[in-house]
Amino acid sequence: SPAAVRLGTTQSGVSHAVRGIERKV
């Protein structure tokens, strides 16, 4: 949530991005 505020996006967007990065890595 605080990362979303910093990035100007939503909490769900950040969560989705992290899951995608973890899948890639």
mmCIF file of all heavy atoms, coordinates in Angstrom:
data_MODEL
# 
_entry.id   MODEL 
# 
loop_
_atom_site.group_PDB 
_atom_site.id 
_atom_site.type_symbol 
_atom_site.label_atom_id 
_atom_site.label_alt_id 
_atom_site.label_comp_id 
_atom_site.label_asym_id 
_atom_site.label_entity_id 
_atom_site.label_seq_id 
_atom_site.pdbx_PDB_ins_code 
_atom_site.Cartn_x 
_atom_site.Cartn_y 
_atom_site.Cartn_z 
_atom_site.occupancy 
_atom_site.B_iso_or_equiv 
_atom_site.pdbx_formal_charge 
_atom_site.auth_seq_id 
_atom_site.auth_comp_id 
_atom_site.auth_asym_id 
_atom_site.auth_atom_id 
_atom_site.pdbx_PDB_model_num 
ATOM 1   N N   . SER A 1 1  ? 0.820  -1.220  0.000   1.00 0.00 ? 1  SER A N   1 
ATOM 2   C CA  . SER A 1 1  ? 0.000  0.000   0.000   1.00 0.00 ? 1  SER A CA  1 
ATOM 3   C C   . SER A 1 1  ? 0.852  1.269   0.000   1.00 0.00 ? 1  SER A C   1 
ATOM 4   O O   . SER A 1 1  ? 0.638  2.161   -0.825  1.00 0.00 ? 1  SER A O   1 
ATOM 5   C CB  . SER A 1 1  ? -0.965 0.003   1.186   1.00 0.00 ? 1  SER A CB  1 
ATOM 6   O OG  . SER A 1 1  ? -1.910 -1.042  1.055   1.00 0.00 ? 1  SER A OG  1 
ATOM 7   N N   . PRO A 1 2  ? 1.836  1.405   0.927   1.00 0.00 ? 2  PRO A N   1 
ATOM 8   C CA  . PRO A 1 2  ? 2.668  2.605   0.881   1.00 0.00 ? 2  PRO A CA  1 
ATOM 9   C C   . PRO A 1 2  ? 3.499  2.699   -0.396  1.00 0.00 ? 2  PRO A C   1 
ATOM 10  O O   . PRO A 1 2  ? 3.767  3.794   -0.888  1.00 0.00 ? 2  PRO A O   1 
ATOM 11  C CB  . PRO A 1 2  ? 3.547  2.494   2.123   1.00 0.00 ? 2  PRO A CB  1 
ATOM 12  C CG  . PRO A 1 2  ? 3.506  1.064   2.523   1.00 0.00 ? 2  PRO A CG  1 
ATOM 13  C CD  . PRO A 1 2  ? 2.168  0.563   2.102   1.00 0.00 ? 2  PRO A CD  1 
ATOM 14  N N   . ALA A 1 3  ? 3.891  1.544   -0.944  1.00 0.00 ? 3  ALA A N   1 
ATOM 15  C CA  . ALA A 1 3  ? 4.624  1.567   -2.213  1.00 0.00 ? 3  ALA A CA  1 
ATOM 16  C C   . ALA A 1 3  ? 3.731  2.098   -3.330  1.00 0.00 ? 3  ALA A C   1 
ATOM 17  O O   . ALA A 1 3  ? 4.183  2.838   -4.210  1.00 0.00 ? 3  ALA A O   1 
ATOM 18  C CB  . ALA A 1 3  ? 5.128  0.167   -2.550  1.00 0.00 ? 3  ALA A CB  1 
ATOM 19  N N   . ALA A 1 4  ? 2.439  1.710   -3.286  1.00 0.00 ? 4  ALA A N   1 
ATOM 20  C CA  . ALA A 1 4  ? 1.490  2.191   -4.300  1.00 0.00 ? 4  ALA A CA  1 
ATOM 21  C C   . ALA A 1 4  ? 1.346  3.706   -4.237  1.00 0.00 ? 4  ALA A C   1 
ATOM 22  O O   . ALA A 1 4  ? 1.287  4.383   -5.267  1.00 0.00 ? 4  ALA A O   1 
ATOM 23  C CB  . ALA A 1 4  ? 0.136  1.508   -4.108  1.00 0.00 ? 4  ALA A CB  1 
ATOM 24  N N   . VAL A 1 5  ? 1.274  4.250   -3.027  1.00 0.00 ? 5  VAL A N   1 
ATOM 25  C CA  . VAL A 1 5  ? 1.188  5.705   -2.866  1.00 0.00 ? 5  VAL A CA  1 
ATOM 26  C C   . VAL A 1 5  ? 2.412  6.372   -3.464  1.00 0.00 ? 5  VAL A C   1 
ATOM 27  O O   . VAL A 1 5  ? 2.319  7.365   -4.188  1.00 0.00 ? 5  VAL A O   1 
ATOM 28  C CB  . VAL A 1 5  ? 1.038  6.076   -1.370  1.00 0.00 ? 5  VAL A CB  1 
ATOM 29  C CG1 . VAL A 1 5  ? 1.122  7.586   -1.183  1.00 0.00 ? 5  VAL A CG1 1 
ATOM 30  C CG2 . VAL A 1 5  ? -0.281 5.535   -0.819  1.00 0.00 ? 5  VAL A CG2 1 
ATOM 31  N N   . ARG A 1 6  ? 3.564  5.832   -3.163  1.00 0.00 ? 6  ARG A N   1 
ATOM 32  C CA  . ARG A 1 6  ? 4.818  6.394   -3.689  1.00 0.00 ? 6  ARG A CA  1 
ATOM 33  C C   . ARG A 1 6  ? 4.872  6.353   -5.208  1.00 0.00 ? 6  ARG A C   1 
ATOM 34  O O   . ARG A 1 6  ? 5.358  7.295   -5.856  1.00 0.00 ? 6  ARG A O   1 
ATOM 35  C CB  . ARG A 1 6  ? 5.992  5.624   -3.094  1.00 0.00 ? 6  ARG A CB  1 
ATOM 36  C CG  . ARG A 1 6  ? 7.345  5.899   -3.723  1.00 0.00 ? 6  ARG A CG  1 
ATOM 37  C CD  . ARG A 1 6  ? 8.421  5.285   -2.867  1.00 0.00 ? 6  ARG A CD  1 
ATOM 38  N NE  . ARG A 1 6  ? 9.663  5.058   -3.580  1.00 0.00 ? 6  ARG A NE  1 
ATOM 39  C CZ  . ARG A 1 6  ? 10.775 4.611   -3.019  1.00 0.00 ? 6  ARG A CZ  1 
ATOM 40  N NH1 . ARG A 1 6  ? 10.811 4.354   -1.722  1.00 0.00 ? 6  ARG A NH1 1 
ATOM 41  N NH2 . ARG A 1 6  ? 11.876 4.417   -3.734  1.00 0.00 ? 6  ARG A NH2 1 
ATOM 42  N N   . LEU A 1 7  ? 4.366  5.272   -5.789  1.00 0.00 ? 7  LEU A N   1 
ATOM 43  C CA  . LEU A 1 7  ? 4.439  5.089   -7.237  1.00 0.00 ? 7  LEU A CA  1 
ATOM 44  C C   . LEU A 1 7  ? 3.252  5.683   -7.974  1.00 0.00 ? 7  LEU A C   1 
ATOM 45  O O   . LEU A 1 7  ? 3.240  5.705   -9.212  1.00 0.00 ? 7  LEU A O   1 
ATOM 46  C CB  . LEU A 1 7  ? 4.541  3.593   -7.558  1.00 0.00 ? 7  LEU A CB  1 
ATOM 47  C CG  . LEU A 1 7  ? 5.810  2.886   -7.053  1.00 0.00 ? 7  LEU A CG  1 
ATOM 48  C CD1 . LEU A 1 7  ? 5.671  1.374   -7.192  1.00 0.00 ? 7  LEU A CD1 1 
ATOM 49  C CD2 . LEU A 1 7  ? 7.034  3.379   -7.817  1.00 0.00 ? 7  LEU A CD2 1 
ATOM 50  N N   . GLY A 1 8  ? 2.254  6.140   -7.238  1.00 0.00 ? 8  GLY A N   1 
ATOM 51  C CA  . GLY A 1 8  ? 1.083  6.719   -7.876  1.00 0.00 ? 8  GLY A CA  1 
ATOM 52  C C   . GLY A 1 8  ? 0.195  5.695   -8.554  1.00 0.00 ? 8  GLY A C   1 
ATOM 53  O O   . GLY A 1 8  ? -0.398 5.955   -9.607  1.00 0.00 ? 8  GLY A O   1 
ATOM 54  N N   . THR A 1 9  ? 0.079  4.518   -7.947  1.00 0.00 ? 9  THR A N   1 
ATOM 55  C CA  . THR A 1 9  ? -0.752 3.461   -8.512  1.00 0.00 ? 9  THR A CA  1 
ATOM 56  C C   . THR A 1 9  ? -1.589 2.851   -7.404  1.00 0.00 ? 9  THR A C   1 
ATOM 57  O O   . THR A 1 9  ? -1.753 3.444   -6.332  1.00 0.00 ? 9  THR A O   1 
ATOM 58  C CB  . THR A 1 9  ? 0.122  2.402   -9.216  1.00 0.00 ? 9  THR A CB  1 
ATOM 59  O OG1 . THR A 1 9  ? -0.716 1.446   -9.858  1.00 0.00 ? 9  THR A OG1 1 
ATOM 60  C CG2 . THR A 1 9  ? 1.054  1.702   -8.242  1.00 0.00 ? 9  THR A CG2 1 
ATOM 61  N N   . THR A 1 10 ? -2.115 1.648   -7.620  1.00 0.00 ? 10 THR A N   1 
ATOM 62  C CA  . THR A 1 10 ? -2.976 1.005   -6.626  1.00 0.00 ? 10 THR A CA  1 
ATOM 63  C C   . THR A 1 10 ? -2.240 -0.124  -5.918  1.00 0.00 ? 10 THR A C   1 
ATOM 64  O O   . THR A 1 10 ? -1.263 -0.674  -6.435  1.00 0.00 ? 10 THR A O   1 
ATOM 65  C CB  . THR A 1 10 ? -4.227 0.423   -7.295  1.00 0.00 ? 10 THR A CB  1 
ATOM 66  O OG1 . THR A 1 10 ? -3.843 -0.602  -8.222  1.00 0.00 ? 10 THR A OG1 1 
ATOM 67  C CG2 . THR A 1 10 ? -4.999 1.519   -8.028  1.00 0.00 ? 10 THR A CG2 1 
ATOM 68  N N   . GLN A 1 11 ? -2.770 -0.484  -4.728  1.00 0.00 ? 11 GLN A N   1 
ATOM 69  C CA  . GLN A 1 11 ? -2.179 -1.590  -3.983  1.00 0.00 ? 11 GLN A CA  1 
ATOM 70  C C   . GLN A 1 11 ? -2.267 -2.888  -4.783  1.00 0.00 ? 11 GLN A C   1 
ATOM 71  O O   . GLN A 1 11 ? -1.313 -3.674  -4.820  1.00 0.00 ? 11 GLN A O   1 
ATOM 72  C CB  . GLN A 1 11 ? -2.891 -1.729  -2.638  1.00 0.00 ? 11 GLN A CB  1 
ATOM 73  C CG  . GLN A 1 11 ? -2.280 -2.763  -1.701  1.00 0.00 ? 11 GLN A CG  1 
ATOM 74  C CD  . GLN A 1 11 ? -2.831 -4.180  -1.916  1.00 0.00 ? 11 GLN A CD  1 
ATOM 75  O OE1 . GLN A 1 11 ? -3.878 -4.340  -2.544  1.00 0.00 ? 11 GLN A OE1 1 
ATOM 76  N NE2 . GLN A 1 11 ? -2.120 -5.177  -1.419  1.00 0.00 ? 11 GLN A NE2 1 
ATOM 77  N N   . SER A 1 12 ? -3.400 -3.103  -5.426  1.00 0.00 ? 12 SER A N   1 
ATOM 78  C CA  . SER A 1 12 ? -3.554 -4.327  -6.209  1.00 0.00 ? 12 SER A CA  1 
ATOM 79  C C   . SER A 1 12 ? -2.599 -4.341  -7.394  1.00 0.00 ? 12 SER A C   1 
ATOM 80  O O   . SER A 1 12 ? -2.084 -5.399  -7.778  1.00 0.00 ? 12 SER A O   1 
ATOM 81  C CB  . SER A 1 12 ? -5.003 -4.458  -6.705  1.00 0.00 ? 12 SER A CB  1 
ATOM 82  O OG  . SER A 1 12 ? -5.357 -3.355  -7.521  1.00 0.00 ? 12 SER A OG  1 
ATOM 83  N N   . GLY A 1 13 ? -2.323 -3.159  -7.960  1.00 0.00 ? 13 GLY A N   1 
ATOM 84  C CA  . GLY A 1 13 ? -1.383 -3.087  -9.070  1.00 0.00 ? 13 GLY A CA  1 
ATOM 85  C C   . GLY A 1 13 ? 0.027  -3.454  -8.639  1.00 0.00 ? 13 GLY A C   1 
ATOM 86  O O   . GLY A 1 13 ? 0.748  -4.180  -9.347  1.00 0.00 ? 13 GLY A O   1 
ATOM 87  N N   . VAL A 1 14 ? 0.417  -2.987  -7.460  1.00 0.00 ? 14 VAL A N   1 
ATOM 88  C CA  . VAL A 1 14 ? 1.741  -3.323  -6.936  1.00 0.00 ? 14 VAL A CA  1 
ATOM 89  C C   . VAL A 1 14 ? 1.820  -4.813  -6.615  1.00 0.00 ? 14 VAL A C   1 
ATOM 90  O O   . VAL A 1 14 ? 2.811  -5.483  -6.937  1.00 0.00 ? 14 VAL A O   1 
ATOM 91  C CB  . VAL A 1 14 ? 2.053  -2.488  -5.679  1.00 0.00 ? 14 VAL A CB  1 
ATOM 92  C CG1 . VAL A 1 14 ? 3.318  -2.999  -4.986  1.00 0.00 ? 14 VAL A CG1 1 
ATOM 93  C CG2 . VAL A 1 14 ? 2.213  -1.017  -6.049  1.00 0.00 ? 14 VAL A CG2 1 
ATOM 94  N N   . SER A 1 15 ? 0.790  -5.341  -5.976  1.00 0.00 ? 15 SER A N   1 
ATOM 95  C CA  . SER A 1 15 ? 0.763  -6.760  -5.633  1.00 0.00 ? 15 SER A CA  1 
ATOM 96  C C   . SER A 1 15 ? 0.862  -7.625  -6.880  1.00 0.00 ? 15 SER A C   1 
ATOM 97  O O   . SER A 1 15 ? 1.611  -8.606  -6.921  1.00 0.00 ? 15 SER A O   1 
ATOM 98  C CB  . SER A 1 15 ? -0.520 -7.088  -4.866  1.00 0.00 ? 15 SER A CB  1 
ATOM 99  O OG  . SER A 1 15 ? -0.578 -8.464  -4.553  1.00 0.00 ? 15 SER A OG  1 
ATOM 100 N N   . HIS A 1 16 ? 0.112  -7.250  -7.906  1.00 0.00 ? 16 HIS A N   1 
ATOM 101 C CA  . HIS A 1 16 ? 0.146  -7.996  -9.173  1.00 0.00 ? 16 HIS A CA  1 
ATOM 102 C C   . HIS A 1 16 ? 1.534  -7.919  -9.798  1.00 0.00 ? 16 HIS A C   1 
ATOM 103 O O   . HIS A 1 16 ? 2.060  -8.929  -10.311 1.00 0.00 ? 16 HIS A O   1 
ATOM 104 C CB  . HIS A 1 16 ? -0.899 -7.415  -10.130 1.00 0.00 ? 16 HIS A CB  1 
ATOM 105 C CG  . HIS A 1 16 ? -0.896 -8.063  -11.483 1.00 0.00 ? 16 HIS A CG  1 
ATOM 106 N ND1 . HIS A 1 16 ? -1.431 -9.310  -11.709 1.00 0.00 ? 16 HIS A ND1 1 
ATOM 107 C CD2 . HIS A 1 16 ? -0.400 -7.630  -12.687 1.00 0.00 ? 16 HIS A CD2 1 
ATOM 108 C CE1 . HIS A 1 16 ? -1.277 -9.625  -12.991 1.00 0.00 ? 16 HIS A CE1 1 
ATOM 109 N NE2 . HIS A 1 16 ? -0.654 -8.624  -13.606 1.00 0.00 ? 16 HIS A NE2 1 
ATOM 110 N N   . ALA A 1 17 ? 2.155  -6.737  -9.752  1.00 0.00 ? 17 ALA A N   1 
ATOM 111 C CA  . ALA A 1 17 ? 3.492  -6.580  -10.328 1.00 0.00 ? 17 ALA A CA  1 
ATOM 112 C C   . ALA A 1 17 ? 4.513  -7.439  -9.610  1.00 0.00 ? 17 ALA A C   1 
ATOM 113 O O   . ALA A 1 17 ? 5.359  -8.081  -10.247 1.00 0.00 ? 17 ALA A O   1 
ATOM 114 C CB  . ALA A 1 17 ? 3.906  -5.111  -10.279 1.00 0.00 ? 17 ALA A CB  1 
ATOM 115 N N   . VAL A 1 18 ? 4.438  -7.475  -8.275  1.00 0.00 ? 18 VAL A N   1 
ATOM 116 C CA  . VAL A 1 18 ? 5.399  -8.282  -7.515  1.00 0.00 ? 18 VAL A CA  1 
ATOM 117 C C   . VAL A 1 18 ? 5.223  -9.761  -7.834  1.00 0.00 ? 18 VAL A C   1 
ATOM 118 O O   . VAL A 1 18 ? 6.213  -10.492 -8.008  1.00 0.00 ? 18 VAL A O   1 
ATOM 119 C CB  . VAL A 1 18 ? 5.248  -8.019  -6.003  1.00 0.00 ? 18 VAL A CB  1 
ATOM 120 C CG1 . VAL A 1 18 ? 6.075  -9.020  -5.193  1.00 0.00 ? 18 VAL A CG1 1 
ATOM 121 C CG2 . VAL A 1 18 ? 5.677  -6.601  -5.663  1.00 0.00 ? 18 VAL A CG2 1 
ATOM 122 N N   . ARG A 1 19 ? 3.982  -10.222 -7.917  1.00 0.00 ? 19 ARG A N   1 
ATOM 123 C CA  . ARG A 1 19 ? 3.759  -11.630 -8.257  1.00 0.00 ? 19 ARG A CA  1 
ATOM 124 C C   . ARG A 1 19 ? 4.333  -11.943 -9.633  1.00 0.00 ? 19 ARG A C   1 
ATOM 125 O O   . ARG A 1 19 ? 4.941  -13.001 -9.840  1.00 0.00 ? 19 ARG A O   1 
ATOM 126 C CB  . ARG A 1 19 ? 2.266  -11.966 -8.221  1.00 0.00 ? 19 ARG A CB  1 
ATOM 127 C CG  . ARG A 1 19 ? 1.679  -12.028 -6.819  1.00 0.00 ? 19 ARG A CG  1 
ATOM 128 C CD  . ARG A 1 19 ? 0.339  -12.754 -6.813  1.00 0.00 ? 19 ARG A CD  1 
ATOM 129 N NE  . ARG A 1 19 ? -0.632 -12.095 -7.688  1.00 0.00 ? 19 ARG A NE  1 
ATOM 130 C CZ  . ARG A 1 19 ? -1.458 -11.120 -7.310  1.00 0.00 ? 19 ARG A CZ  1 
ATOM 131 N NH1 . ARG A 1 19 ? -1.421 -10.676 -6.050  1.00 0.00 ? 19 ARG A NH1 1 
ATOM 132 N NH2 . ARG A 1 19 ? -2.313 -10.582 -8.155  1.00 0.00 ? 19 ARG A NH2 1 
ATOM 133 N N   . GLY A 1 20 ? 4.177  -11.023 -10.561 1.00 0.00 ? 20 GLY A N   1 
ATOM 134 C CA  . GLY A 1 20 ? 4.720  -11.231 -11.898 1.00 0.00 ? 20 GLY A CA  1 
ATOM 135 C C   . GLY A 1 20 ? 6.239  -11.282 -11.899 1.00 0.00 ? 20 GLY A C   1 
ATOM 136 O O   . GLY A 1 20 ? 6.856  -12.106 -12.589 1.00 0.00 ? 20 GLY A O   1 
ATOM 137 N N   . ILE A 1 21 ? 6.858  -10.413 -11.122 1.00 0.00 ? 21 ILE A N   1 
ATOM 138 C CA  . ILE A 1 21 ? 8.324  -10.405 -11.026 1.00 0.00 ? 21 ILE A CA  1 
ATOM 139 C C   . ILE A 1 21 ? 8.812  -11.707 -10.413 1.00 0.00 ? 21 ILE A C   1 
ATOM 140 O O   . ILE A 1 21 ? 9.793  -12.311 -10.880 1.00 0.00 ? 21 ILE A O   1 
ATOM 141 C CB  . ILE A 1 21 ? 8.794  -9.196  -10.193 1.00 0.00 ? 21 ILE A CB  1 
ATOM 142 C CG1 . ILE A 1 21 ? 8.418  -7.891  -10.894 1.00 0.00 ? 21 ILE A CG1 1 
ATOM 143 C CG2 . ILE A 1 21 ? 10.296 -9.262  -9.958  1.00 0.00 ? 21 ILE A CG2 1 
ATOM 144 C CD1 . ILE A 1 21 ? 8.549  -6.660  -10.023 1.00 0.00 ? 21 ILE A CD1 1 
ATOM 145 N N   . GLU A 1 22 ? 8.138  -12.163 -9.352  1.00 0.00 ? 22 GLU A N   1 
ATOM 146 C CA  . GLU A 1 22 ? 8.534  -13.409 -8.699  1.00 0.00 ? 22 GLU A CA  1 
ATOM 147 C C   . GLU A 1 22 ? 8.393  -14.598 -9.650  1.00 0.00 ? 22 GLU A C   1 
ATOM 148 O O   . GLU A 1 22 ? 9.225  -15.517 -9.627  1.00 0.00 ? 22 GLU A O   1 
ATOM 149 C CB  . GLU A 1 22 ? 7.712  -13.616 -7.431  1.00 0.00 ? 22 GLU A CB  1 
ATOM 150 C CG  . GLU A 1 22 ? 8.071  -12.632 -6.311  1.00 0.00 ? 22 GLU A CG  1 
ATOM 151 C CD  . GLU A 1 22 ? 7.203  -12.778 -5.084  1.00 0.00 ? 22 GLU A CD  1 
ATOM 152 O OE1 . GLU A 1 22 ? 6.016  -13.174 -5.238  1.00 0.00 ? 22 GLU A OE1 1 
ATOM 153 O OE2 . GLU A 1 22 ? 7.694  -12.509 -3.972  1.00 0.00 ? 22 GLU A OE2 1 
ATOM 154 N N   . ARG A 1 23 ? 7.377  -14.587 -10.488 1.00 0.00 ? 23 ARG A N   1 
ATOM 155 C CA  . ARG A 1 23 ? 7.241  -15.668 -11.472 1.00 0.00 ? 23 ARG A CA  1 
ATOM 156 C C   . ARG A 1 23 ? 8.406  -15.644 -12.456 1.00 0.00 ? 23 ARG A C   1 
ATOM 157 O O   . ARG A 1 23 ? 8.960  -16.691 -12.811 1.00 0.00 ? 23 ARG A O   1 
ATOM 158 C CB  . ARG A 1 23 ? 5.912  -15.542 -12.219 1.00 0.00 ? 23 ARG A CB  1 
ATOM 159 C CG  . ARG A 1 23 ? 4.703  -16.030 -11.441 1.00 0.00 ? 23 ARG A CG  1 
ATOM 160 C CD  . ARG A 1 23 ? 3.501  -16.248 -12.349 1.00 0.00 ? 23 ARG A CD  1 
ATOM 161 N NE  . ARG A 1 23 ? 3.099  -15.002 -13.007 1.00 0.00 ? 23 ARG A NE  1 
ATOM 162 C CZ  . ARG A 1 23 ? 2.218  -14.137 -12.490 1.00 0.00 ? 23 ARG A CZ  1 
ATOM 163 N NH1 . ARG A 1 23 ? 1.656  -14.382 -11.307 1.00 0.00 ? 23 ARG A NH1 1 
ATOM 164 N NH2 . ARG A 1 23 ? 1.894  -13.050 -13.153 1.00 0.00 ? 23 ARG A NH2 1 
ATOM 165 N N   . LYS A 1 24 ? 8.763  -14.456 -12.891 1.00 0.00 ? 24 LYS A N   1 
ATOM 166 C CA  . LYS A 1 24 ? 9.871  -14.343 -13.846 1.00 0.00 ? 24 LYS A CA  1 
ATOM 167 C C   . LYS A 1 24 ? 11.189 -14.797 -13.232 1.00 0.00 ? 24 LYS A C   1 
ATOM 168 O O   . LYS A 1 24 ? 11.978 -15.504 -13.860 1.00 0.00 ? 24 LYS A O   1 
ATOM 169 C CB  . LYS A 1 24 ? 10.008 -12.894 -14.319 1.00 0.00 ? 24 LYS A CB  1 
ATOM 170 C CG  . LYS A 1 24 ? 8.903  -12.414 -15.232 1.00 0.00 ? 24 LYS A CG  1 
ATOM 171 C CD  . LYS A 1 24 ? 9.174  -10.974 -15.663 1.00 0.00 ? 24 LYS A CD  1 
ATOM 172 C CE  . LYS A 1 24 ? 8.081  -10.442 -16.586 1.00 0.00 ? 24 LYS A CE  1 
ATOM 173 N NZ  . LYS A 1 24 ? 8.348  -9.047  -17.034 1.00 0.00 ? 24 LYS A NZ  1 
ATOM 174 N N   . VAL A 1 25 ? 11.439 -14.376 -11.988 1.00 0.00 ? 25 VAL A N   1 
ATOM 175 C CA  . VAL A 1 25 ? 12.714 -14.686 -11.339 1.00 0.00 ? 25 VAL A CA  1 
ATOM 176 C C   . VAL A 1 25 ? 12.734 -16.119 -10.835 1.00 0.00 ? 25 VAL A C   1 
ATOM 177 O O   . VAL A 1 25 ? 13.781 -16.775 -10.789 1.00 0.00 ? 25 VAL A O   1 
ATOM 178 C CB  . VAL A 1 25 ? 12.970 -13.695 -10.185 1.00 0.00 ? 25 VAL A CB  1 
ATOM 179 C CG1 . VAL A 1 25 ? 14.247 -14.041 -9.431  1.00 0.00 ? 25 VAL A CG1 1 
ATOM 180 C CG2 . VAL A 1 25 ? 13.056 -12.268 -10.727 1.00 0.00 ? 25 VAL A CG2 1 
# 
